[in-house]
Amino acid sequence: MSIRNADGSAVSTIDDENGGAQVRKVVLHRRVPTPRRPRPARAQRAMTGLRRTFTQSDYPQPDFVRSDRLVRTWGGSLAPWRLAAVGVIIILVLSFAWVRLFHIGPPSIEDLRRTAGVDEWQTLPIGVKDDQPGVAERNKATGKWSGFDIDIAYMIAEDLGFRRAEVQFYGIESEDRARMEATDLGGKPVPVKMVIASYSITEEREREPNVMFSQSYLHTEQSVITLKGHDKVASLEEFKDKDVCSLSSSTSASAAKDSGAKLTRRNRVSECFALLDHNKVQAVTTDAAILGGYKDRYPTRYDHWDLGLDKTEAWGVSVGANAALRDLVNITLYRSFKDPKDARWEQAYETNILPETVTNVSADGELVPLARPQQPVTARPRVRELPWEEVVP
């Protein structure tokens, strides 16, 4: 005989001889839990999310293709797309760093220095004028150089990494500027790396094989000086058939010749003033920034006259055929123009040219403009900035 309990378990019984029942065996039915599958790895879950499966029941299939064939498609999860986006960003960042760090695009400052050969120079020889007060002059007694061009030369040399003691100035005459050949105190020719000598930028000069200008660092104009007491001068045409002195190979000489004057050319402006002092010429004409220094030094000897010409004389630095050095010079000019903390150009102007504006008054009481008091607009050079380099701080 068998008996079932309330929980459904079956109990088997056997009757004894006396008719009593004894329990021999109990059978219990328990629910066995289904074993869990192990959680798939992260990569497997990501790949599973890339697959969406469906039955191709809507499309006619050949007989040998099973009807339950599965097709994988994209879109099951966004995680893989995030991973792909991160990968693309990393690739773009690395590509940009490659462009910045390596030789793709314009050269870096380091590349320009290497190409120009600056790091191999022990000194920096520069050709300058030595007889132009306020612009560039050598004191014969002390040997000291001073003037606006001298300060601009020091500014450029500083950015190139040269100390002032490593900058060597040599006097250069006007006709020698294109040859990049100056003269030492003993009269021997000296090749120079740069010419900063009131050198006006013109298309004709830029076509010469060994002339390459930086951007302009000063704007001035042509004017004329006569001895004290001369009649008022309003134009160069008033000197038609009269003797006028100007610098050789200068733009001012061309203008004087076109006006009909009898032109006398000299390589040094001091030689022109010597002729004027001895009445061998009636006037000296060249850039106003040059003449202003003589008027300031000898205010009772000369009269300075503004010609009112529209043409601007833009002075530039000539570097010969060294294009990389030209770009380095332009970087310095751009820094001094763009950086409000860089006041080196303004200091050069205020020290050398600004004081002369007070004394440069014509006989009729009119101020004679010497140069524009602002640095000329300088465009940013094409240069690649490495992380440790700054064109403008």
Protein backbone atom coordinates (compact mmCIF):
# COMPACT_ATOMS: atom_id res chain seq x y z
CA MET A 1 0.00 0.00 0.00
CA SER A 2 1.18 3.57 -0.73
CA ILE A 3 0.32 6.89 0.81
CA ARG A 4 0.92 10.48 -0.56
CA ASN A 5 1.77 13.34 1.67
CA ALA A 6 0.49 16.87 1.33
CA ASP A 7 3.55 17.96 -0.70
CA GLY A 8 2.90 15.25 -3.28
CA SER A 9 5.68 12.90 -2.21
CA ALA A 10 4.94 9.20 -2.41
CA VAL A 11 5.40 6.96 0.62
CA SER A 12 5.59 3.23 0.14
CA THR A 13 4.31 1.04 3.03
CA ILE A 14 4.33 -2.67 3.87
CA ASP A 15 1.80 -4.25 6.23
CA ASP A 16 3.20 -6.47 8.98
CA GLU A 17 1.74 -9.70 10.19
CA ASN A 18 -0.39 -8.00 12.77
CA GLY A 19 -1.96 -5.76 10.13
CA GLY A 20 0.10 -2.72 11.12
CA ALA A 21 1.67 -0.50 8.53
CA GLN A 22 5.43 0.32 8.51
CA VAL A 23 7.18 2.89 6.33
CA ARG A 24 9.87 1.31 4.15
CA LYS A 25 10.82 4.00 1.56
CA VAL A 26 10.17 7.68 0.90
CA VAL A 27 10.61 9.17 -2.62
CA LEU A 28 10.91 12.97 -2.89
CA HIS A 29 10.64 14.84 -6.25
CA ARG A 30 12.69 18.10 -6.19
CA ARG A 31 13.05 20.72 -8.95
CA VAL A 32 16.63 20.84 -10.14
CA PRO A 33 17.73 24.45 -11.13
CA THR A 34 18.89 24.99 -14.72
CA PRO A 35 22.65 25.65 -14.80
CA ARG A 36 23.58 29.22 -15.93
CA ARG A 37 25.68 29.71 -18.95
CA PRO A 38 28.96 31.58 -18.28
CA ARG A 39 28.80 35.30 -19.09
CA PRO A 40 30.43 35.91 -22.45
CA ALA A 41 33.63 37.92 -22.47
CA ARG A 42 33.45 41.63 -23.19
CA ALA A 43 34.94 41.26 -26.65
CA GLN A 44 32.49 38.46 -27.45
CA ARG A 45 29.56 40.58 -26.31
CA ALA A 46 30.83 43.45 -28.48
CA MET A 47 31.08 41.21 -31.52
CA THR A 48 27.66 39.73 -30.75
CA GLY A 49 26.25 43.24 -30.78
CA LEU A 50 27.60 43.70 -34.28
CA ARG A 51 25.40 40.92 -35.58
CA ARG A 52 21.70 40.96 -36.20
CA THR A 53 20.31 37.76 -37.54
CA PHE A 54 17.12 37.10 -39.37
CA THR A 55 15.72 34.41 -41.60
CA GLN A 56 15.80 35.08 -45.30
CA SER A 57 12.31 33.82 -45.75
CA ASP A 58 11.15 36.76 -47.85
CA TYR A 59 13.64 36.12 -50.63
CA PRO A 60 13.63 33.23 -53.08
CA GLN A 61 16.47 30.86 -52.28
CA PRO A 62 17.92 27.90 -54.18
CA ASP A 63 16.98 24.45 -52.96
CA PHE A 64 20.45 23.78 -51.59
CA VAL A 65 20.22 26.82 -49.29
CA ARG A 66 18.74 26.08 -45.95
CA SER A 67 15.68 28.11 -45.13
CA ASP A 68 17.05 28.93 -41.71
CA ARG A 69 20.31 30.36 -43.13
CA LEU A 70 21.33 33.43 -41.11
CA VAL A 71 22.62 36.73 -42.37
CA ARG A 72 24.79 39.13 -40.32
CA THR A 73 24.09 42.82 -40.43
CA TRP A 74 25.33 45.88 -38.49
CA GLY A 75 23.44 47.88 -35.91
CA GLY A 76 22.94 45.50 -33.04
CA SER A 77 24.90 47.67 -30.53
CA LEU A 78 26.41 51.19 -30.25
CA ALA A 79 29.50 50.07 -28.34
CA PRO A 80 31.46 49.04 -31.45
CA TRP A 81 30.65 52.34 -33.09
CA ARG A 82 32.06 54.17 -30.07
CA LEU A 83 35.22 52.12 -30.31
CA ALA A 84 35.49 52.92 -34.01
CA ALA A 85 34.99 56.65 -33.33
CA VAL A 86 37.74 56.63 -30.70
CA GLY A 87 40.03 54.92 -33.19
CA VAL A 88 39.32 57.54 -35.84
CA ILE A 89 40.04 60.35 -33.37
CA ILE A 90 43.34 58.76 -32.39
CA ILE A 91 44.33 58.45 -36.04
CA LEU A 92 43.47 62.11 -36.69
CA VAL A 93 45.45 63.28 -33.65
CA LEU A 94 48.47 61.26 -34.69
CA SER A 95 48.21 62.54 -38.25
CA PHE A 96 48.04 66.15 -37.05
CA ALA A 97 51.05 65.58 -34.80
CA TRP A 98 52.93 64.10 -37.75
CA VAL A 99 52.17 67.18 -39.84
CA ARG A 100 53.27 69.49 -37.04
CA LEU A 101 56.43 67.64 -36.11
CA PHE A 102 57.78 66.41 -39.39
CA HIS A 103 58.54 67.81 -42.83
CA ILE A 104 55.05 68.35 -44.15
CA GLY A 105 53.99 71.89 -45.00
CA PRO A 106 56.05 75.07 -44.46
CA PRO A 107 59.41 74.87 -42.65
CA SER A 108 59.78 75.32 -38.92
CA ILE A 109 62.11 77.85 -37.31
CA GLU A 110 64.52 75.01 -36.64
CA ASP A 111 64.41 74.06 -40.34
CA LEU A 112 65.05 77.67 -41.36
CA ARG A 113 68.03 78.00 -39.02
CA ARG A 114 69.51 74.79 -40.38
CA THR A 115 68.99 75.86 -44.00
CA ALA A 116 70.31 79.39 -43.42
CA GLY A 117 73.39 78.04 -41.63
CA VAL A 118 72.94 80.42 -38.68
CA ASP A 119 74.03 77.91 -36.04
CA GLU A 120 77.39 77.48 -37.77
CA TRP A 121 78.28 81.20 -37.65
CA GLN A 122 80.58 82.36 -34.87
CA THR A 123 79.82 86.03 -35.54
CA LEU A 124 77.24 87.99 -37.51
CA PRO A 125 78.82 90.47 -39.99
CA ILE A 126 76.39 93.18 -41.10
CA GLY A 127 76.90 95.92 -43.68
CA VAL A 128 75.64 99.32 -42.50
CA LYS A 129 76.16 102.98 -43.28
CA ASP A 130 78.68 104.77 -41.10
CA ASP A 131 78.05 108.44 -41.90
CA GLN A 132 74.31 108.92 -41.38
CA PRO A 133 73.49 110.51 -37.99
CA GLY A 134 70.34 109.04 -36.48
CA VAL A 135 70.32 106.16 -38.96
CA ALA A 136 73.75 104.53 -38.76
CA GLU A 137 76.96 106.17 -37.68
CA ARG A 138 80.30 105.16 -36.23
CA ASN A 139 81.85 107.47 -33.69
CA LYS A 140 85.46 107.78 -34.81
CA ALA A 141 86.65 108.70 -31.34
CA THR A 142 85.02 105.83 -29.44
CA GLY A 143 84.37 103.33 -32.23
CA LYS A 144 80.78 103.02 -31.03
CA TRP A 145 77.95 102.44 -33.49
CA SER A 146 74.56 104.12 -33.10
CA GLY A 147 71.39 104.85 -35.04
CA PHE A 148 68.05 103.40 -35.99
CA ASP A 149 69.50 100.82 -38.41
CA ILE A 150 71.98 99.73 -35.74
CA ASP A 151 69.18 99.07 -33.24
CA ILE A 152 67.19 97.14 -35.84
CA ALA A 153 70.30 95.06 -36.55
CA TYR A 154 70.70 94.28 -32.85
CA MET A 155 67.02 93.31 -32.66
CA ILE A 156 67.40 90.81 -35.51
CA ALA A 157 70.71 89.48 -34.15
CA GLU A 158 69.15 88.89 -30.74
CA ASP A 159 66.42 86.68 -32.20
CA LEU A 160 69.02 84.79 -34.23
CA GLY A 161 70.85 84.00 -31.00
CA PHE A 162 73.82 86.38 -31.23
CA ARG A 163 75.11 88.51 -28.37
CA ARG A 164 75.88 92.14 -29.07
CA ALA A 165 79.60 91.43 -28.83
CA GLU A 166 79.18 88.84 -31.61
CA VAL A 167 77.64 91.35 -34.03
CA GLN A 168 80.24 92.93 -36.30
CA PHE A 169 79.35 96.12 -38.20
CA TYR A 170 81.17 97.14 -41.35
CA GLY A 171 80.69 100.33 -43.34
CA ILE A 172 79.19 99.72 -46.77
CA GLU A 173 78.83 102.09 -49.69
CA SER A 174 75.66 102.37 -51.72
CA GLU A 175 76.96 100.69 -54.87
CA ASP A 176 78.33 97.75 -52.85
CA ARG A 177 75.06 96.85 -51.15
CA ALA A 178 73.92 94.55 -53.96
CA ARG A 179 77.25 92.69 -53.82
CA MET A 180 76.95 92.18 -50.05
CA GLU A 181 80.49 93.48 -49.70
CA ALA A 182 81.48 95.98 -47.02
CA THR A 183 84.84 97.45 -46.01
CA ASP A 184 86.72 97.07 -42.75
CA LEU A 185 88.65 99.88 -41.05
CA GLY A 186 91.75 98.92 -43.01
CA GLY A 187 89.99 99.32 -46.34
CA LYS A 188 89.78 95.59 -47.07
CA PRO A 189 86.59 94.12 -48.54
CA VAL A 190 84.53 92.00 -46.15
CA PRO A 191 81.58 89.77 -47.16
CA VAL A 192 78.54 90.26 -44.94
CA LYS A 193 75.50 88.16 -44.14
CA MET A 194 73.04 91.04 -44.13
CA VAL A 195 72.83 94.62 -45.37
CA ILE A 196 70.87 97.05 -43.21
CA ALA A 197 71.83 100.33 -44.79
CA SER A 198 68.82 102.57 -45.55
CA TYR A 199 68.20 100.23 -48.50
CA SER A 200 64.91 100.97 -50.29
CA ILE A 201 62.93 98.02 -51.66
CA THR A 202 62.24 98.31 -55.40
CA GLU A 203 61.19 95.85 -58.09
CA GLU A 204 64.30 96.65 -60.09
CA ARG A 205 66.57 95.77 -57.20
CA GLU A 206 64.67 92.60 -56.39
CA ARG A 207 65.32 91.39 -59.93
CA GLU A 208 69.07 91.50 -59.29
CA PRO A 209 70.57 88.03 -58.77
CA ASN A 210 72.07 88.60 -55.31
CA VAL A 211 69.44 90.86 -53.76
CA MET A 212 66.64 89.49 -51.59
CA PHE A 213 64.72 91.80 -49.27
CA SER A 214 62.88 91.20 -46.07
CA GLN A 215 59.59 92.95 -45.44
CA SER A 216 60.03 96.67 -44.81
CA TYR A 217 61.04 97.95 -41.39
CA LEU A 218 60.74 101.73 -42.00
CA HIS A 219 58.76 104.01 -44.31
CA THR A 220 60.16 107.40 -45.23
CA GLU A 221 60.09 109.73 -48.26
CA GLN A 222 62.41 111.84 -50.37
CA SER A 223 63.27 115.39 -49.34
CA VAL A 224 65.97 118.00 -50.04
CA ILE A 225 68.45 120.07 -48.01
CA THR A 226 69.98 123.40 -48.98
CA LEU A 227 72.26 125.86 -47.24
CA LYS A 228 70.61 128.23 -44.77
CA GLY A 229 68.89 131.17 -46.43
CA HIS A 230 67.95 129.42 -49.66
CA ASP A 231 64.66 130.28 -51.28
CA LYS A 232 61.72 128.06 -50.41
CA VAL A 233 61.77 124.73 -52.21
CA ALA A 234 58.53 122.97 -53.11
CA SER A 235 59.67 120.49 -55.77
CA LEU A 236 62.74 119.05 -57.43
CA GLU A 237 61.80 120.77 -60.68
CA GLU A 238 63.05 124.01 -59.15
CA PHE A 239 66.58 122.61 -59.49
CA LYS A 240 66.37 122.13 -63.24
CA ASP A 241 69.80 122.76 -64.79
CA LYS A 242 71.24 123.21 -61.29
CA ASP A 243 73.78 121.05 -59.49
CA VAL A 244 72.28 118.54 -57.06
CA CYS A 245 74.07 115.73 -55.23
CA SER A 246 72.57 112.37 -54.34
CA LEU A 247 73.72 108.87 -53.42
CA SER A 248 74.82 106.49 -56.14
CA SER A 249 72.41 103.67 -57.02
CA SER A 250 69.64 105.35 -55.03
CA THR A 251 66.02 105.91 -55.93
CA SER A 252 66.43 109.59 -55.00
CA ALA A 253 69.08 110.03 -57.68
CA SER A 254 66.67 108.79 -60.33
CA ALA A 255 64.01 111.28 -59.24
CA ALA A 256 66.50 114.17 -59.31
CA LYS A 257 67.68 113.21 -62.76
CA ASP A 258 64.12 113.00 -64.05
CA SER A 259 63.47 116.54 -62.78
CA GLY A 260 66.19 117.91 -65.05
CA ALA A 261 68.81 118.65 -62.40
CA LYS A 262 72.52 118.28 -63.06
CA LEU A 263 73.12 115.24 -60.93
CA THR A 264 76.30 114.53 -59.02
CA ARG A 265 76.50 111.01 -57.56
CA ARG A 266 78.45 110.00 -54.48
CA ASN A 267 78.65 106.71 -52.53
CA ARG A 268 78.57 108.49 -49.17
CA VAL A 269 76.08 111.13 -48.15
CA SER A 270 78.80 112.88 -46.14
CA GLU A 271 80.59 113.52 -49.44
CA CYS A 272 77.47 115.23 -50.78
CA PHE A 273 77.33 117.50 -47.73
CA ALA A 274 80.99 118.35 -48.20
CA LEU A 275 80.17 119.54 -51.74
CA LEU A 276 77.21 121.54 -50.44
CA ASP A 277 79.31 123.20 -47.73
CA HIS A 278 81.75 124.38 -50.41
CA ASN A 279 78.94 125.61 -52.73
CA LYS A 280 79.80 123.06 -55.41
CA VAL A 281 76.18 121.90 -55.44
CA GLN A 282 73.03 123.76 -54.50
CA ALA A 283 71.20 120.92 -52.81
CA VAL A 284 71.42 117.39 -51.46
CA THR A 285 68.48 115.08 -51.99
CA THR A 286 67.83 111.62 -50.57
CA ASP A 287 65.54 110.02 -47.99
CA ALA A 288 64.21 112.40 -45.33
CA ALA A 289 65.22 110.06 -42.47
CA ILE A 290 68.85 110.43 -43.62
CA LEU A 291 68.79 114.19 -44.16
CA GLY A 292 67.02 114.76 -40.85
CA GLY A 293 70.12 113.68 -38.93
CA TYR A 294 72.27 116.35 -40.60
CA LYS A 295 69.68 119.06 -40.02
CA ASP A 296 69.43 118.03 -36.36
CA ARG A 297 73.21 118.14 -35.92
CA TYR A 298 73.70 121.42 -37.81
CA PRO A 299 70.41 123.33 -37.39
CA THR A 300 71.90 126.73 -38.24
CA ARG A 301 73.76 125.55 -41.33
CA TYR A 302 71.03 123.88 -43.39
CA ASP A 303 67.38 124.22 -44.39
CA HIS A 304 65.36 121.03 -44.79
CA TRP A 305 62.48 121.04 -47.29
CA ASP A 306 59.54 118.67 -47.71
CA LEU A 307 58.88 117.90 -51.38
CA GLY A 308 55.41 116.48 -50.77
CA LEU A 309 56.06 113.42 -52.90
CA ASP A 310 53.54 110.60 -52.71
CA LYS A 311 56.08 107.85 -53.22
CA THR A 312 57.07 105.96 -50.09
CA GLU A 313 60.62 104.76 -49.59
CA ALA A 314 60.33 101.38 -47.83
CA TRP A 315 63.58 100.22 -46.25
CA GLY A 316 64.30 96.51 -46.10
CA VAL A 317 67.03 94.11 -45.00
CA SER A 318 68.95 92.49 -47.85
CA VAL A 319 70.17 88.93 -47.20
CA GLY A 320 71.77 88.15 -50.55
CA ALA A 321 70.45 84.84 -51.88
CA ASN A 322 69.71 83.30 -48.46
CA ALA A 323 65.93 82.81 -48.52
CA ALA A 324 65.87 81.01 -45.16
CA LEU A 325 67.66 83.94 -43.51
CA ARG A 326 65.13 86.31 -45.08
CA ASP A 327 62.30 84.33 -43.47
CA LEU A 328 64.05 84.44 -40.09
CA VAL A 329 64.39 88.22 -40.39
CA ASN A 330 60.70 88.47 -41.29
CA ILE A 331 59.83 86.43 -38.19
CA THR A 332 61.63 89.01 -36.04
CA LEU A 333 59.87 91.90 -37.78
CA TYR A 334 56.53 90.12 -37.39
CA ARG A 335 57.14 89.55 -33.69
CA SER A 336 57.99 93.20 -33.06
CA PHE A 337 54.93 94.28 -35.04
CA LYS A 338 52.40 91.81 -33.65
CA ASP A 339 53.45 91.28 -30.04
CA PRO A 340 52.28 94.22 -27.86
CA LYS A 341 54.97 93.33 -25.32
CA ASP A 342 57.74 93.69 -27.89
CA ALA A 343 58.65 97.39 -27.94
CA ARG A 344 62.09 97.13 -29.52
CA TRP A 345 61.07 98.86 -32.75
CA GLU A 346 59.34 101.68 -30.88
CA GLN A 347 62.39 102.14 -28.66
CA ALA A 348 64.65 102.37 -31.71
CA TYR A 349 62.40 105.03 -33.25
CA GLU A 350 62.02 107.05 -30.05
CA THR A 351 65.77 106.97 -29.40
CA ASN A 352 67.02 107.91 -32.86
CA ILE A 353 64.42 109.53 -35.12
CA LEU A 354 61.79 111.06 -32.86
CA PRO A 355 64.18 113.61 -31.25
CA GLU A 356 65.15 114.88 -34.72
CA THR A 357 61.57 115.75 -35.64
CA VAL A 358 61.69 118.77 -33.31
CA THR A 359 64.61 120.43 -35.09
CA ASN A 360 63.55 119.52 -38.62
CA VAL A 361 61.46 122.57 -39.38
CA SER A 362 61.65 124.29 -42.75
CA ALA A 363 62.39 127.99 -43.08
CA ASP A 364 58.69 128.74 -43.40
CA GLY A 365 57.93 127.00 -40.09
CA GLU A 366 56.56 123.73 -41.46
CA LEU A 367 57.56 120.44 -39.90
CA VAL A 368 59.38 118.16 -42.31
CA PRO A 369 58.21 114.56 -41.94
CA LEU A 370 61.16 112.21 -41.52
CA ALA A 371 59.51 108.79 -41.24
CA ARG A 372 56.26 107.23 -40.19
CA PRO A 373 56.22 106.75 -36.41
CA GLN A 374 54.68 103.28 -36.65
CA GLN A 375 56.33 100.07 -37.75
CA PRO A 376 55.12 99.06 -41.23
CA VAL A 377 52.50 96.34 -41.35
CA THR A 378 54.25 92.99 -41.41
CA ALA A 379 52.56 89.85 -42.71
CA ARG A 380 52.97 86.57 -40.84
CA PRO A 381 55.69 84.46 -42.45
CA ARG A 382 54.81 80.96 -43.67
CA VAL A 383 56.37 78.93 -40.91
CA ARG A 384 55.34 75.77 -39.08
CA GLU A 385 55.38 76.19 -35.31
CA LEU A 386 56.67 73.18 -33.40
CA PRO A 387 55.28 72.70 -29.86
CA TRP A 388 58.46 74.18 -28.37
CA GLU A 389 58.60 77.10 -30.83
CA GLU A 390 56.60 80.31 -30.89
CA VAL A 391 56.55 82.85 -33.69
CA VAL A 392 54.68 85.20 -31.38
CA PRO A 393 54.65 84.44 -27.60
